[in-house]
Amino acid sequence: MPDNSPYDPNEGDWQTLESFFSPTEAYLLQGCLQASGVPAMVTDAQTVQTHSLLASAIQVRVLVPERRLAQAEAVREAWRRGDFALPDDDTQYQEPR
C-alpha cells in the first residue's frame, strides 16, 4: 500500500476524511495524521498534477481507515487550528552570532 500506511482489514475500509484542490494541502494533512499515529493516504494527486485541465473538476482526497475516523477528525481540527505549525521566530536551529 502506498504512502507508508499499510492496509489493515481490522481497521475497516478507507473513508474520505477531506478533499482538496491542492495536492500540497492533502500531503500536509497526511503527514500530520501519520505523525499522530493515524494511517492515511492521498488519492488522485497524480491525476490532478498530470491533467491540469481537470484540476478544477477532480479533488485530491485524504483517506483514513473507518475505525480511525474520529481520531483523524480530531487531528484535522488540530491541524486547522495551527497546532502543527512551526513558530516564525524559532531560533532553535540557528547558529549563534
Protein backbone atom coordinates (compact mmCIF):
# COMPACT_ATOMS: atom_id res chain seq x y z
CA MET A 1 0.00 0.00 0.00
CA PRO A 2 1.43 3.42 -0.89
CA ASP A 3 2.15 6.34 1.42
CA ASN A 4 3.58 4.29 4.32
CA SER A 5 0.10 3.38 5.59
CA PRO A 6 -0.45 -0.35 5.18
CA TYR A 7 -3.98 -1.62 4.86
CA ASP A 8 -5.26 -3.41 7.95
CA PRO A 9 -8.65 -5.12 7.44
CA ASN A 10 -9.31 -4.84 11.20
CA GLU A 11 -9.37 -1.03 10.85
CA GLY A 12 -12.23 -1.08 8.34
CA ASP A 13 -12.49 0.32 4.84
CA TRP A 14 -10.78 3.54 3.79
CA GLN A 15 -13.03 6.60 4.18
CA THR A 16 -12.60 10.12 2.81
CA LEU A 17 -11.63 12.50 5.59
CA GLU A 18 -11.09 15.63 3.48
CA SER A 19 -10.89 16.72 -0.15
CA PHE A 20 -8.62 19.43 -1.52
CA PHE A 21 -7.94 21.08 -4.85
CA SER A 22 -4.27 21.32 -3.89
CA PRO A 23 -2.19 18.14 -3.59
CA THR A 24 0.20 20.02 -1.29
CA GLU A 25 -2.52 20.58 1.31
CA ALA A 26 -3.53 16.93 1.11
CA TYR A 27 0.05 15.78 1.70
CA LEU A 28 0.45 18.19 4.63
CA LEU A 29 -2.65 16.76 6.32
CA GLN A 30 -1.50 13.23 5.58
CA GLY A 31 1.83 13.92 7.27
CA CYS A 32 0.12 15.31 10.36
CA LEU A 33 -2.18 12.30 10.54
CA GLN A 34 0.68 9.83 10.19
CA ALA A 35 2.76 11.73 12.76
CA SER A 36 -0.20 11.35 15.13
CA GLY A 37 -0.36 7.60 14.52
CA VAL A 38 -3.34 7.60 12.14
CA PRO A 39 -2.83 5.64 8.92
CA ALA A 40 -3.61 7.90 5.94
CA MET A 41 -3.17 8.00 2.19
CA VAL A 42 -3.67 10.57 -0.54
CA THR A 43 -5.54 9.65 -3.72
CA ASP A 44 -5.91 11.32 -7.12
CA ALA A 45 -2.93 13.65 -6.61
CA GLN A 46 -1.10 12.29 -9.65
CA THR A 47 -4.21 12.64 -11.82
CA VAL A 48 -4.63 16.29 -10.83
CA GLN A 49 -0.93 17.02 -11.39
CA THR A 50 -0.83 15.22 -14.75
CA HIS A 51 -4.07 16.58 -16.20
CA SER A 52 -4.04 20.22 -15.15
CA LEU A 53 -7.19 20.94 -17.18
CA LEU A 54 -9.06 18.54 -14.90
CA ALA A 55 -7.65 20.03 -11.69
CA SER A 56 -10.80 22.05 -11.02
CA ALA A 57 -13.01 19.00 -11.57
CA ILE A 58 -11.10 16.38 -9.59
CA GLN A 59 -10.27 16.82 -5.95
CA VAL A 60 -7.40 15.20 -4.12
CA ARG A 61 -8.69 13.08 -1.24
CA VAL A 62 -7.15 12.13 2.10
CA LEU A 63 -8.34 8.69 3.20
CA VAL A 64 -8.23 7.10 6.66
CA PRO A 65 -9.47 3.75 7.98
CA GLU A 66 -13.11 3.78 9.07
CA ARG A 67 -12.36 2.86 12.69
CA ARG A 68 -9.82 5.70 12.98
CA LEU A 69 -12.13 8.37 11.55
CA ALA A 70 -12.93 10.04 14.89
CA GLN A 71 -9.22 10.24 15.78
CA ALA A 72 -8.45 11.57 12.30
CA GLU A 73 -11.13 14.26 12.64
CA ALA A 74 -9.54 15.42 15.91
CA VAL A 75 -6.12 15.62 14.23
CA ARG A 76 -7.65 17.52 11.29
CA GLU A 77 -9.16 20.08 13.66
CA ALA A 78 -5.80 20.49 15.44
CA TRP A 79 -4.16 20.98 12.03
CA ARG A 80 -6.73 23.64 11.10
CA ARG A 81 -6.15 25.44 14.42
CA GLY A 82 -2.44 25.54 13.67
CA ASP A 83 -1.30 23.13 16.37
CA PHE A 84 1.24 21.62 13.93
CA ALA A 85 2.60 24.97 12.74
CA LEU A 86 6.19 25.95 13.38
CA PRO A 87 6.70 29.33 15.01
CA ASP A 88 8.04 32.08 12.76
CA ASP A 89 10.57 33.17 15.36
CA ASP A 90 12.03 29.73 16.02
CA THR A 91 15.75 30.21 16.61
CA GLN A 92 16.48 26.76 17.97
CA TYR A 93 18.50 25.70 14.92
CA GLN A 94 20.18 28.99 14.09
CA GLU A 95 23.86 29.36 14.73
CA PRO A 96 24.76 31.87 17.43
CA ARG A 97 26.12 35.20 16.18
